[in-house]
Every structure is written in C-alpha cells, then in structure tokens.
PDB file of N, CA and C in Angstrom:
ATOM      1  N   MET A   1      15.098   4.467  10.890  1.00  0.00           N
ATOM      2  CA  MET A   1      14.279   3.612  10.047  1.00  0.00           C
ATOM      3  C   MET A   1      12.859   4.160   9.988  1.00  0.00           C
ATOM      4  N   ALA A   2      12.232   4.047   8.862  1.00  0.00           N
ATOM      5  CA  ALA A   2      10.884   4.565   8.663  1.00  0.00           C
ATOM      6  C   ALA A   2       9.884   3.863   9.568  1.00  0.00           C
ATOM      7  N   GLN A   3       8.911   4.621  10.043  1.00  0.00           N
ATOM      8  CA  GLN A   3       7.841   4.078  10.862  1.00  0.00           C
ATOM      9  C   GLN A   3       6.785   3.506   9.932  1.00  0.00           C
ATOM     10  N   ARG A   4       7.131   2.481   9.224  1.00  0.00           N
ATOM     11  CA  ARG A   4       6.260   1.899   8.221  1.00  0.00           C
ATOM     12  C   ARG A   4       5.482   0.737   8.818  1.00  0.00           C
ATOM     13  N   ARG A   5       4.200   0.735   8.652  1.00  0.00           N
ATOM     14  CA  ARG A   5       3.375  -0.367   9.120  1.00  0.00           C
ATOM     15  C   ARG A   5       3.400  -1.442   8.044  1.00  0.00           C
ATOM     16  N   ILE A   6       3.918  -2.594   8.368  1.00  0.00           N
ATOM     17  CA  ILE A   6       4.006  -3.675   7.406  1.00  0.00           C
ATOM     18  C   ILE A   6       3.166  -4.840   7.901  1.00  0.00           C
ATOM     19  N   ILE A   7       2.337  -5.363   7.015  1.00  0.00           N
ATOM     20  CA  ILE A   7       1.543  -6.522   7.364  1.00  0.00           C
ATOM     21  C   ILE A   7       2.496  -7.685   7.603  1.00  0.00           C
ATOM     22  N   ASN A   8       2.375  -8.308   8.728  1.00  0.00           N
ATOM     23  CA  ASN A   8       3.234  -9.409   9.132  1.00  0.00           C
ATOM     24  C   ASN A   8       3.124 -10.561   8.133  1.00  0.00           C
ATOM     25  N   ASP A   9       4.266 -11.120   7.732  1.00  0.00           N
ATOM     26  CA  ASP A   9       4.277 -12.234   6.793  1.00  0.00           C
ATOM     27  C   ASP A   9       3.539 -13.457   7.317  1.00  0.00           C
ATOM     28  N   SER A  10       3.334 -13.526   8.623  1.00  0.00           N
ATOM     29  CA  SER A  10       2.635 -14.682   9.174  1.00  0.00           C
ATOM     30  C   SER A  10       1.134 -14.636   8.872  1.00  0.00           C
ATOM     31  N   LEU A  11       0.640 -13.500   8.422  1.00  0.00           N
ATOM     32  CA  LEU A  11      -0.767 -13.402   8.039  1.00  0.00           C
ATOM     33  C   LEU A  11      -0.917 -13.910   6.613  1.00  0.00           C
ATOM     34  N   LYS A  12      -0.950 -15.212   6.460  1.00  0.00           N
ATOM     35  CA  LYS A  12      -0.958 -15.827   5.134  1.00  0.00           C
ATOM     36  C   LYS A  12      -2.263 -15.615   4.384  1.00  0.00           C
ATOM     37  N   ALA A  13      -3.347 -15.441   5.091  1.00  0.00           N
ATOM     38  CA  ALA A  13      -4.643 -15.305   4.434  1.00  0.00           C
ATOM     39  C   ALA A  13      -5.441 -14.193   5.094  1.00  0.00           C
ATOM     40  N   MET A  14      -5.048 -12.960   4.838  1.00  0.00           N
ATOM     41  CA  MET A  14      -5.782 -11.825   5.385  1.00  0.00           C
ATOM     42  C   MET A  14      -7.170 -11.799   4.762  1.00  0.00           C
ATOM     43  N   SER A  15      -8.168 -11.631   5.580  1.00  0.00           N
ATOM     44  CA  SER A  15      -9.533 -11.584   5.074  1.00  0.00           C
ATOM     45  C   SER A  15      -9.852 -10.202   4.530  1.00  0.00           C
ATOM     46  N   LEU A  16     -10.870 -10.153   3.720  1.00  0.00           N
ATOM     47  CA  LEU A  16     -11.345  -8.867   3.208  1.00  0.00           C
ATOM     48  C   LEU A  16     -11.825  -8.004   4.370  1.00  0.00           C
ATOM     49  N   GLU A  17     -12.407  -8.623   5.380  1.00  0.00           N
ATOM     50  CA  GLU A  17     -12.880  -7.885   6.561  1.00  0.00           C
ATOM     51  C   GLU A  17     -11.717  -7.194   7.286  1.00  0.00           C
ATOM     52  N   THR A  18     -10.608  -7.899   7.457  1.00  0.00           N
ATOM     53  CA  THR A  18      -9.423  -7.308   8.091  1.00  0.00           C
ATOM     54  C   THR A  18      -8.891  -6.164   7.242  1.00  0.00           C
ATOM     55  N   TYR A  19      -8.847  -6.361   5.943  1.00  0.00           N
ATOM     56  CA  TYR A  19      -8.402  -5.317   5.024  1.00  0.00           C
ATOM     57  C   TYR A  19      -9.283  -4.077   5.163  1.00  0.00           C
ATOM     58  N   GLN A  20     -10.575  -4.285   5.245  1.00  0.00           N
ATOM     59  CA  GLN A  20     -11.500  -3.160   5.377  1.00  0.00           C
ATOM     60  C   GLN A  20     -11.301  -2.417   6.689  1.00  0.00           C
ATOM     61  N   LYS A  21     -10.911  -3.124   7.736  1.00  0.00           N
ATOM     62  CA  LYS A  21     -10.649  -2.469   9.022  1.00  0.00           C
ATOM     63  C   LYS A  21      -9.454  -1.529   8.933  1.00  0.00           C
ATOM     64  N   ILE A  22      -8.386  -1.940   8.236  1.00  0.00           N
ATOM     65  CA  ILE A  22      -7.204  -1.079   8.159  1.00  0.00           C
ATOM     66  C   ILE A  22      -7.418   0.096   7.217  1.00  0.00           C
ATOM     67  N   THR A  23      -8.420   0.017   6.344  1.00  0.00           N
ATOM     68  CA  THR A  23      -8.681   1.120   5.424  1.00  0.00           C
ATOM     69  C   THR A  23      -9.853   1.986   5.881  1.00  0.00           C
ATOM     70  N   GLY A  24     -10.392   1.709   7.049  1.00  0.00           N
ATOM     71  CA  GLY A  24     -11.621   2.356   7.477  1.00  0.00           C
ATOM     72  C   GLY A  24     -11.480   3.645   8.255  1.00  0.00           C
ATOM     73  N   GLY A  25     -10.288   4.109   8.540  1.00  0.00           N
ATOM     74  CA  GLY A  25     -10.151   5.306   9.356  1.00  0.00           C
ATOM     75  C   GLY A  25      -9.181   6.309   8.782  1.00  0.00           C
ATOM     76  N   ALA A  26      -8.024   6.407   9.423  1.00  0.00           N
ATOM     77  CA  ALA A  26      -6.986   7.369   9.030  1.00  0.00           C
ATOM     78  C   ALA A  26      -6.519   7.098   7.599  1.00  0.00           C
ATOM     79  N   PRO A  27      -5.921   8.101   6.951  1.00  0.00           N
ATOM     80  CA  PRO A  27      -5.390   7.878   5.604  1.00  0.00           C
ATOM     81  C   PRO A  27      -4.377   6.727   5.599  1.00  0.00           C
ATOM     82  N   VAL A  28      -4.528   5.857   4.601  1.00  0.00           N
ATOM     83  CA  VAL A  28      -3.712   4.657   4.493  1.00  0.00           C
ATOM     84  C   VAL A  28      -3.266   4.490   3.053  1.00  0.00           C
ATOM     85  N   VAL A  29      -1.985   4.171   2.855  1.00  0.00           N
ATOM     86  CA  VAL A  29      -1.479   3.765   1.549  1.00  0.00           C
ATOM     87  C   VAL A  29      -1.145   2.281   1.659  1.00  0.00           C
ATOM     88  N   ILE A  30      -1.740   1.492   0.773  1.00  0.00           N
ATOM     89  CA  ILE A  30      -1.510   0.053   0.727  1.00  0.00           C
ATOM     90  C   ILE A  30      -0.633  -0.238  -0.488  1.00  0.00           C
ATOM     91  N   GLU A  31       0.435  -0.990  -0.272  1.00  0.00           N
ATOM     92  CA  GLU A  31       1.312  -1.417  -1.350  1.00  0.00           C
ATOM     93  C   GLU A  31       1.130  -2.914  -1.540  1.00  0.00           C
ATOM     94  N   PHE A  32       0.707  -3.325  -2.729  1.00  0.00           N
ATOM     95  CA  PHE A  32       0.627  -4.741  -3.064  1.00  0.00           C
ATOM     96  C   PHE A  32       1.907  -5.103  -3.807  1.00  0.00           C
ATOM     97  N   THR A  33       2.551  -6.160  -3.352  1.00  0.00           N
ATOM     98  CA  THR A  33       3.876  -6.507  -3.833  1.00  0.00           C
ATOM     99  C   THR A  33       4.065  -8.016  -3.798  1.00  0.00           C
ATOM    100  N   ALA A  34       5.229  -8.466  -4.229  1.00  0.00           N
ATOM    101  CA  ALA A  34       5.636  -9.873  -4.113  1.00  0.00           C
ATOM    102  C   ALA A  34       7.153  -9.906  -4.018  1.00  0.00           C
ATOM    103  N   LYS A  35       7.663 -10.922  -3.343  1.00  0.00           N
ATOM    104  CA  LYS A  35       9.111 -11.038  -3.136  1.00  0.00           C
ATOM    105  C   LYS A  35       9.878 -11.145  -4.456  1.00  0.00           C
ATOM    106  N   TRP A  36       9.275 -11.718  -5.483  1.00  0.00           N
ATOM    107  CA  TRP A  36       9.930 -11.957  -6.762  1.00  0.00           C
ATOM    108  C   TRP A  36       9.806 -10.765  -7.728  1.00  0.00           C
ATOM    109  N   CYS A  37       9.088  -9.734  -7.367  1.00  0.00           N
ATOM    110  CA  CYS A  37       8.758  -8.618  -8.260  1.00  0.00           C
ATOM    111  C   CYS A  37       9.885  -7.575  -8.291  1.00  0.00           C
ATOM    112  N   HIS A  38      10.587  -7.493  -9.413  1.00  0.00           N
ATOM    113  CA  HIS A  38      11.688  -6.535  -9.538  1.00  0.00           C
ATOM    114  C   HIS A  38      11.207  -5.077  -9.448  1.00  0.00           C
ATOM    115  N   PRO A  39      10.143  -4.668 -10.156  1.00  0.00           N
ATOM    116  CA  PRO A  39       9.663  -3.289 -10.006  1.00  0.00           C
ATOM    117  C   PRO A  39       9.267  -2.954  -8.555  1.00  0.00           C
ATOM    118  N   CYS A  40       8.757  -3.943  -7.828  1.00  0.00           N
ATOM    119  CA  CYS A  40       8.414  -3.726  -6.414  1.00  0.00           C
ATOM    120  C   CYS A  40       9.672  -3.410  -5.614  1.00  0.00           C
ATOM    121  N   LYS A  41      10.736  -4.133  -5.904  1.00  0.00           N
ATOM    122  CA  LYS A  41      12.005  -3.898  -5.217  1.00  0.00           C
ATOM    123  C   LYS A  41      12.561  -2.518  -5.556  1.00  0.00           C
ATOM    124  N   LEU A  42      12.352  -2.070  -6.791  1.00  0.00           N
ATOM    125  CA  LEU A  42      12.795  -0.732  -7.183  1.00  0.00           C
ATOM    126  C   LEU A  42      12.057   0.358  -6.401  1.00  0.00           C
ATOM    127  N   MET A  43      10.800   0.116  -6.077  1.00  0.00           N
ATOM    128  CA  MET A  43       9.980   1.104  -5.366  1.00  0.00           C
ATOM    129  C   MET A  43      10.239   1.109  -3.864  1.00  0.00           C
ATOM    130  N   GLU A  44      10.828   0.057  -3.329  1.00  0.00           N
ATOM    131  CA  GLU A  44      11.007  -0.093  -1.885  1.00  0.00           C
ATOM    132  C   GLU A  44      11.673   1.113  -1.216  1.00  0.00           C
ATOM    133  N   PRO A  45      12.824   1.598  -1.707  1.00  0.00           N
ATOM    134  CA  PRO A  45      13.447   2.761  -1.038  1.00  0.00           C
ATOM    135  C   PRO A  45      12.558   4.007  -1.072  1.00  0.00           C
ATOM    136  N   LEU A  46      11.877   4.226  -2.171  1.00  0.00           N
ATOM    137  CA  LEU A  46      11.000   5.389  -2.291  1.00  0.00           C
ATOM    138  C   LEU A  46       9.826   5.289  -1.315  1.00  0.00           C
ATOM    139  N   ILE A  47       9.215   4.125  -1.222  1.00  0.00           N
ATOM    140  CA  ILE A  47       8.086   3.953  -0.320  1.00  0.00           C
ATOM    141  C   ILE A  47       8.541   4.132   1.127  1.00  0.00           C
ATOM    142  N   ASN A  48       9.721   3.636   1.446  1.00  0.00           N
ATOM    143  CA  ASN A  48      10.250   3.837   2.806  1.00  0.00           C
ATOM    144  C   ASN A  48      10.475   5.321   3.101  1.00  0.00           C
ATOM    145  N   GLN A  49      10.967   6.065   2.124  1.00  0.00           N
ATOM    146  CA  GLN A  49      11.155   7.516   2.293  1.00  0.00           C
ATOM    147  C   GLN A  49       9.812   8.217   2.493  1.00  0.00           C
ATOM    148  N   LEU A  50       8.833   7.821   1.702  1.00  0.00           N
ATOM    149  CA  LEU A  50       7.509   8.430   1.822  1.00  0.00           C
ATOM    150  C   LEU A  50       6.868   8.098   3.172  1.00  0.00           C
ATOM    151  N   ALA A  51       7.053   6.861   3.619  1.00  0.00           N
ATOM    152  CA  ALA A  51       6.506   6.460   4.922  1.00  0.00           C
ATOM    153  C   ALA A  51       7.107   7.310   6.037  1.00  0.00           C
ATOM    154  N   LEU A  52       8.375   7.610   5.926  1.00  0.00           N
ATOM    155  CA  LEU A  52       9.035   8.452   6.925  1.00  0.00           C
ATOM    156  C   LEU A  52       8.540   9.900   6.820  1.00  0.00           C
ATOM    157  N   ALA A  53       8.460  10.408   5.599  1.00  0.00           N
ATOM    158  CA  ALA A  53       8.042  11.795   5.390  1.00  0.00           C
ATOM    159  C   ALA A  53       6.591  12.038   5.823  1.00  0.00           C
ATOM    160  N   TYR A  54       5.731  11.039   5.659  1.00  0.00           N
ATOM    161  CA  TYR A  54       4.304  11.201   5.953  1.00  0.00           C
ATOM    162  C   TYR A  54       3.882  10.459   7.224  1.00  0.00           C
ATOM    163  N   GLN A  55       4.835  10.097   8.074  1.00  0.00           N
ATOM    164  CA  GLN A  55       4.525   9.236   9.216  1.00  0.00           C
ATOM    165  C   GLN A  55       3.483   9.805  10.178  1.00  0.00           C
ATOM    166  N   LYS A  56       3.304  11.101  10.206  1.00  0.00           N
ATOM    167  CA  LYS A  56       2.300  11.690  11.104  1.00  0.00           C
ATOM    168  C   LYS A  56       0.947  11.886  10.413  1.00  0.00           C
ATOM    169  N   LYS A  57       0.894  11.588   9.112  1.00  0.00           N
ATOM    170  CA  LYS A  57      -0.328  11.832   8.363  1.00  0.00           C
ATOM    171  C   LYS A  57      -0.934  10.588   7.733  1.00  0.00           C
ATOM    172  N   VAL A  58      -0.085   9.609   7.369  1.00  0.00           N
ATOM    173  CA  VAL A  58      -0.532   8.459   6.590  1.00  0.00           C
ATOM    174  C   VAL A  58       0.098   7.182   7.148  1.00  0.00           C
ATOM    175  N   LEU A  59      -0.695   6.118   7.234  1.00  0.00           N
ATOM    176  CA  LEU A  59      -0.178   4.801   7.581  1.00  0.00           C
ATOM    177  C   LEU A  59       0.152   4.060   6.292  1.00  0.00           C
ATOM    178  N   PHE A  60       1.272   3.380   6.255  1.00  0.00           N
ATOM    179  CA  PHE A  60       1.687   2.617   5.084  1.00  0.00           C
ATOM    180  C   PHE A  60       1.665   1.130   5.426  1.00  0.00           C
ATOM    181  N   TYR A  61       1.035   0.331   4.559  1.00  0.00           N
ATOM    182  CA  TYR A  61       0.980  -1.111   4.707  1.00  0.00           C
ATOM    183  C   TYR A  61       1.510  -1.764   3.447  1.00  0.00           C
ATOM    184  N   LYS A  62       2.159  -2.888   3.629  1.00  0.00           N
ATOM    185  CA  LYS A  62       2.692  -3.675   2.515  1.00  0.00           C
ATOM    186  C   LYS A  62       2.052  -5.053   2.581  1.00  0.00           C
ATOM    187  N   ILE A  63       1.422  -5.468   1.482  1.00  0.00           N
ATOM    188  CA  ILE A  63       0.749  -6.759   1.442  1.00  0.00           C
ATOM    189  C   ILE A  63       1.335  -7.580   0.292  1.00  0.00           C
ATOM    190  N   ASP A  64       1.872  -8.734   0.629  1.00  0.00           N
ATOM    191  CA  ASP A  64       2.427  -9.656  -0.363  1.00  0.00           C
ATOM    192  C   ASP A  64       1.280 -10.448  -0.985  1.00  0.00           C
ATOM    193  N   ILE A  65       1.123 -10.357  -2.305  1.00  0.00           N
ATOM    194  CA  ILE A  65      -0.010 -11.014  -2.959  1.00  0.00           C
ATOM    195  C   ILE A  65       0.114 -12.529  -2.940  1.00  0.00           C
ATOM    196  N   ASP A  66       1.334 -13.054  -2.845  1.00  0.00           N
ATOM    197  CA  ASP A  66       1.496 -14.504  -2.778  1.00  0.00           C
ATOM    198  C   ASP A  66       1.049 -15.049  -1.426  1.00  0.00           C
ATOM    199  N   ASP A  67       1.223 -14.268  -0.390  1.00  0.00           N
ATOM    200  CA  ASP A  67       0.790 -14.668   0.954  1.00  0.00           C
ATOM    201  C   ASP A  67      -0.686 -14.375   1.192  1.00  0.00           C
ATOM    202  N   ASN A  68      -1.280 -13.566   0.331  1.00  0.00           N
ATOM    203  CA  ASN A  68      -2.674 -13.130   0.495  1.00  0.00           C
ATOM    204  C   ASN A  68      -3.430 -13.238  -0.828  1.00  0.00           C
ATOM    205  N   LYS A  69      -3.407 -14.422  -1.425  1.00  0.00           N
ATOM    206  CA  LYS A  69      -4.015 -14.618  -2.754  1.00  0.00           C
ATOM    207  C   LYS A  69      -5.514 -14.356  -2.762  1.00  0.00           C
ATOM    208  N   THR A  70      -6.200 -14.788  -1.722  1.00  0.00           N
ATOM    209  CA  THR A  70      -7.650 -14.580  -1.673  1.00  0.00           C
ATOM    210  C   THR A  70      -7.983 -13.095  -1.655  1.00  0.00           C
ATOM    211  N   LEU A  71      -7.255 -12.339  -0.857  1.00  0.00           N
ATOM    212  CA  LEU A  71      -7.466 -10.891  -0.792  1.00  0.00           C
ATOM    213  C   LEU A  71      -7.120 -10.232  -2.121  1.00  0.00           C
ATOM    214  N   ALA A  72      -5.979 -10.598  -2.694  1.00  0.00           N
ATOM    215  CA  ALA A  72      -5.565 -10.027  -3.988  1.00  0.00           C
ATOM    216  C   ALA A  72      -6.619 -10.307  -5.058  1.00  0.00           C
ATOM    217  N   ASN A  73      -7.168 -11.503  -5.077  1.00  0.00           N
ATOM    218  CA  ASN A  73      -8.220 -11.834  -6.042  1.00  0.00           C
ATOM    219  C   ASN A  73      -9.486 -11.038  -5.773  1.00  0.00           C
ATOM    220  N   ALA A  74      -9.871 -10.905  -4.503  1.00  0.00           N
ATOM    221  CA  ALA A  74     -11.086 -10.162  -4.148  1.00  0.00           C
ATOM    222  C   ALA A  74     -10.982  -8.697  -4.562  1.00  0.00           C
ATOM    223  N   LEU A  75      -9.757  -8.140  -4.470  1.00  0.00           N
ATOM    224  CA  LEU A  75      -9.550  -6.735  -4.820  1.00  0.00           C
ATOM    225  C   LEU A  75      -9.118  -6.541  -6.272  1.00  0.00           C
ATOM    226  N   LYS A  76      -9.065  -7.641  -7.013  1.00  0.00           N
ATOM    227  CA  LYS A  76      -8.682  -7.625  -8.432  1.00  0.00           C
ATOM    228  C   LYS A  76      -7.281  -7.031  -8.649  1.00  0.00           C
ATOM    229  N   VAL A  77      -6.363  -7.412  -7.758  1.00  0.00           N
ATOM    230  CA  VAL A  77      -4.969  -6.996  -7.897  1.00  0.00           C
ATOM    231  C   VAL A  77      -4.313  -7.975  -8.855  1.00  0.00           C
ATOM    232  N   ASP A  78      -4.130  -7.538 -10.104  1.00  0.00           N
ATOM    233  CA  ASP A  78      -3.535  -8.428 -11.098  1.00  0.00           C
ATOM    234  C   ASP A  78      -2.242  -7.874 -11.695  1.00  0.00           C
ATOM    235  N   GLU A  79      -1.832  -6.709 -11.223  1.00  0.00           N
ATOM    236  CA  GLU A  79      -0.547  -6.128 -11.624  1.00  0.00           C
ATOM    237  C   GLU A  79       0.112  -5.549 -10.381  1.00  0.00           C
ATOM    238  N   ILE A  80       1.432  -5.695 -10.303  1.00  0.00           N
ATOM    239  CA  ILE A  80       2.168  -5.139  -9.167  1.00  0.00           C
ATOM    240  C   ILE A  80       3.433  -4.469  -9.656  1.00  0.00           C
ATOM    241  N   PRO A  81       3.972  -3.519  -8.931  1.00  0.00           N
ATOM    242  CA  PRO A  81       3.423  -3.005  -7.689  1.00  0.00           C
ATOM    243  C   PRO A  81       2.145  -2.209  -7.930  1.00  0.00           C
ATOM    244  N   MET A  82       1.238  -2.356  -7.007  1.00  0.00           N
ATOM    245  CA  MET A  82      -0.011  -1.602  -7.040  1.00  0.00           C
ATOM    246  C   MET A  82      -0.129  -0.864  -5.713  1.00  0.00           C
ATOM    247  N   PHE A  83      -0.494   0.396  -5.795  1.00  0.00           N
ATOM    248  CA  PHE A  83      -0.654   1.239  -4.615  1.00  0.00           C
ATOM    249  C   PHE A  83      -2.080   1.759  -4.591  1.00  0.00           C
ATOM    250  N   MET A  84      -2.674   1.744  -3.403  1.00  0.00           N
ATOM    251  CA  MET A  84      -4.027   2.272  -3.222  1.00  0.00           C
ATOM    252  C   MET A  84      -4.025   3.162  -1.997  1.00  0.00           C
ATOM    253  N   MET A  85      -4.763   4.255  -2.076  1.00  0.00           N
ATOM    254  CA  MET A  85      -4.903   5.116  -0.907  1.00  0.00           C
ATOM    255  C   MET A  85      -6.366   5.157  -0.510  1.00  0.00           C
ATOM    256  N   TYR A  86      -6.598   5.031   0.799  1.00  0.00           N
ATOM    257  CA  TYR A  86      -7.932   5.060   1.384  1.00  0.00           C
ATOM    258  C   TYR A  86      -7.975   6.071   2.516  1.00  0.00           C
ATOM    259  N   ARG A  87      -9.155   6.607   2.743  1.00  0.00           N
ATOM    260  CA  ARG A  87      -9.433   7.401   3.942  1.00  0.00           C
ATOM    261  C   ARG A  87     -10.899   7.213   4.286  1.00  0.00           C
ATOM    262  N   ASN A  88     -11.159   6.862   5.527  1.00  0.00           N
ATOM    263  CA  ASN A  88     -12.532   6.634   5.996  1.00  0.00           C
ATOM    264  C   ASN A  88     -13.276   5.648   5.097  1.00  0.00           C
ATOM    265  N   ALA A  89     -12.610   4.555   4.752  1.00  0.00           N
ATOM    266  CA  ALA A  89     -13.161   3.456   3.949  1.00  0.00           C
ATOM    267  C   ALA A  89     -13.444   3.855   2.495  1.00  0.00           C
ATOM    268  N   LYS A  90     -12.987   5.014   2.093  1.00  0.00           N
ATOM    269  CA  LYS A  90     -13.201   5.458   0.713  1.00  0.00           C
ATOM    270  C   LYS A  90     -11.898   5.348  -0.068  1.00  0.00           C
ATOM    271  N   SER A  91     -11.955   4.677  -1.213  1.00  0.00           N
ATOM    272  CA  SER A  91     -10.788   4.576  -2.088  1.00  0.00           C
ATOM    273  C   SER A  91     -10.559   5.932  -2.756  1.00  0.00           C
ATOM    274  N   LEU A  92      -9.368   6.477  -2.576  1.00  0.00           N
ATOM    275  CA  LEU A  92      -9.051   7.793  -3.139  1.00  0.00           C
ATOM    276  C   LEU A  92      -8.338   7.697  -4.479  1.00  0.00           C
ATOM    277  N   TRP A  93      -7.473   6.698  -4.628  1.00  0.00           N
ATOM    278  CA  TRP A  93      -6.782   6.487  -5.894  1.00  0.00           C
ATOM    279  C   TRP A  93      -6.102   5.124  -5.909  1.00  0.00           C
ATOM    280  N   THR A  94      -5.790   4.681  -7.123  1.00  0.00           N
ATOM    281  CA  THR A  94      -5.006   3.463  -7.345  1.00  0.00           C
ATOM    282  C   THR A  94      -3.935   3.797  -8.366  1.00  0.00           C
ATOM    283  N   HIS A  95      -2.724   3.333  -8.113  1.00  0.00           N
ATOM    284  CA  HIS A  95      -1.615   3.547  -9.048  1.00  0.00           C
ATOM    285  C   HIS A  95      -0.909   2.208  -9.245  1.00  0.00           C
ATOM    286  N   ILE A  96      -0.622   1.887 -10.488  1.00  0.00           N
ATOM    287  CA  ILE A  96       0.066   0.643 -10.813  1.00  0.00           C
ATOM    288  C   ILE A  96       1.411   0.961 -11.446  1.00  0.00           C
ATOM    289  N   GLY A  97       2.437   0.286 -10.962  1.00  0.00           N
ATOM    290  CA  GLY A  97       3.758   0.379 -11.582  1.00  0.00           C
ATOM    291  C   GLY A  97       4.720   1.292 -10.847  1.00  0.00           C
ATOM    292  N   VAL A  98       5.914   1.364 -11.421  1.00  0.00           N
ATOM    293  CA  VAL A  98       6.982   2.196 -10.871  1.00  0.00           C
ATOM    294  C   VAL A  98       6.628   3.656 -11.086  1.00  0.00           C
ATOM    295  N   SER A  99       6.982   4.480 -10.128  1.00  0.00           N
ATOM    296  CA  SER A  99       6.644   5.895 -10.193  1.00  0.00           C
ATOM    297  C   SER A  99       7.787   6.727  -9.632  1.00  0.00           C
ATOM    298  N   THR A 100       7.734   8.014  -9.899  1.00  0.00           N
ATOM    299  CA  THR A 100       8.725   8.928  -9.343  1.00  0.00           C
ATOM    300  C   THR A 100       8.277   9.396  -7.965  1.00  0.00           C
ATOM    301  N   GLN A 101       9.206   9.944  -7.221  1.00  0.00           N
ATOM    302  CA  GLN A 101       8.879  10.474  -5.901  1.00  0.00           C
ATOM    303  C   GLN A 101       7.857  11.593  -6.017  1.00  0.00           C
ATOM    304  N   LYS A 102       8.043  12.484  -6.978  1.00  0.00           N
ATOM    305  CA  LYS A 102       7.117  13.599  -7.147  1.00  0.00           C
ATOM    306  C   LYS A 102       5.704  13.114  -7.456  1.00  0.00           C
ATOM    307  N   ASP A 103       5.587  12.151  -8.353  1.00  0.00           N
ATOM    308  CA  ASP A 103       4.260  11.645  -8.700  1.00  0.00           C
ATOM    309  C   ASP A 103       3.578  10.994  -7.500  1.00  0.00           C
ATOM    310  N   MET A 104       4.330  10.217  -6.720  1.00  0.00           N
ATOM    311  CA  MET A 104       3.747   9.585  -5.537  1.00  0.00           C
ATOM    312  C   MET A 104       3.372  10.634  -4.491  1.00  0.00           C
ATOM    313  N   GLU A 105       4.218  11.625  -4.313  1.00  0.00           N
ATOM    314  CA  GLU A 105       3.897  12.715  -3.364  1.00  0.00           C
ATOM    315  C   GLU A 105       2.637  13.451  -3.807  1.00  0.00           C
ATOM    316  N   ASP A 106       2.524  13.717  -5.098  1.00  0.00           N
ATOM    317  CA  ASP A 106       1.327  14.400  -5.617  1.00  0.00           C
ATOM    318  C   ASP A 106       0.073  13.573  -5.346  1.00  0.00           C
ATOM    319  N   LEU A 107       0.143  12.260  -5.579  1.00  0.00           N
ATOM    320  CA  LEU A 107      -0.997  11.385  -5.317  1.00  0.00           C
ATOM    321  C   LEU A 107      -1.379  11.426  -3.836  1.00  0.00           C
ATOM    322  N   ILE A 108      -0.370  11.288  -2.970  1.00  0.00           N
ATOM    323  CA  ILE A 108      -0.636  11.287  -1.531  1.00  0.00           C
ATOM    324  C   ILE A 108      -1.202  12.629  -1.081  1.00  0.00           C
ATOM    325  N   ASN A 109      -0.574  13.712  -1.528  1.00  0.00           N
ATOM    326  CA  ASN A 109      -1.052  15.050  -1.133  1.00  0.00           C
ATOM    327  C   ASN A 109      -2.486  15.297  -1.607  1.00  0.00           C
ATOM    328  N   ASN A 110      -2.806  14.856  -2.822  1.00  0.00           N
ATOM    329  CA  ASN A 110      -4.176  15.004  -3.304  1.00  0.00           C
ATOM    330  C   ASN A 110      -5.147  14.192  -2.450  1.00  0.00           C
ATOM    331  N   GLY A 111      -4.708  13.026  -1.982  1.00  0.00           N
ATOM    332  CA  GLY A 111      -5.542  12.196  -1.125  1.00  0.00           C
ATOM    333  C   GLY A 111      -5.758  12.794   0.256  1.00  0.00           C
ATOM    334  N   LEU A 112      -4.860  13.670   0.669  1.00  0.00           N
ATOM    335  CA  LEU A 112      -4.976  14.298   1.982  1.00  0.00           C
ATOM    336  C   LEU A 112      -5.836  15.558   1.970  1.00  0.00           C
ATOM    337  N   LYS A 113      -6.205  16.027   0.799  1.00  0.00           N
ATOM    338  CA  LYS A 113      -7.012  17.254   0.696  1.00  0.00           C
ATOM    339  C   LYS A 113      -8.426  17.031   1.155  1.00  0.00           C
TER     340      LYS A 113
END
C-alpha cells in the first residue's frame, strides 16, 4: 500500500495555520476532494501510484472540502479535484481536474527542480 499521508477525517475544521504548517517544509502535494466527486474517485488510483513512486521525495495529503469548508473557502478551492504542490511554503503549481499520469509526473518533477 502506498505511503500516502492522508488528513484524518476527524479533522473537521483544519485551520489555515495547520495547512500552512504542512506546506512549510518538504515538497508536498495536496489533493482537495470530496466523497461525492466522481472525477476525484477516478484520480484516486493514479494519486496512490504517484504517492508510492515519490514516497521518498514528496508527501501527499488528501483534504475533503466538505470536512474542511473554512479552509477550502480561505484557499478559494471551488473546483475539484484540485491539486497543489508546495515546497518551503511556496506554491509551485495548481492543477484542476482529471489528468494523465504523465502530466501529473511532469508537474511533480518540475516542482522538484
């Protein structure tokens, strides 16, 4: 199973401060999703594969926008699935929607440069 870091569902209201802590150091890919989102479900196997492939280089987090509405609003997450990559508190890229493995790998690799 992939070594994927998943935000615990019990964190119903993650603060912006907590979010900033997880994006403040090592490279991180954040996936914004919802249980009812069909495109999010389509991306799930690919994201799990990427988390496994990049487990020594990138941390992967999954944040449910329904459980974290305040955070989603603060970050202006209005379309899902939405992916963001950060390193050292700097936003490197944002991608919205379903994507191919190659496109996601290219985004991640560019973020690691």
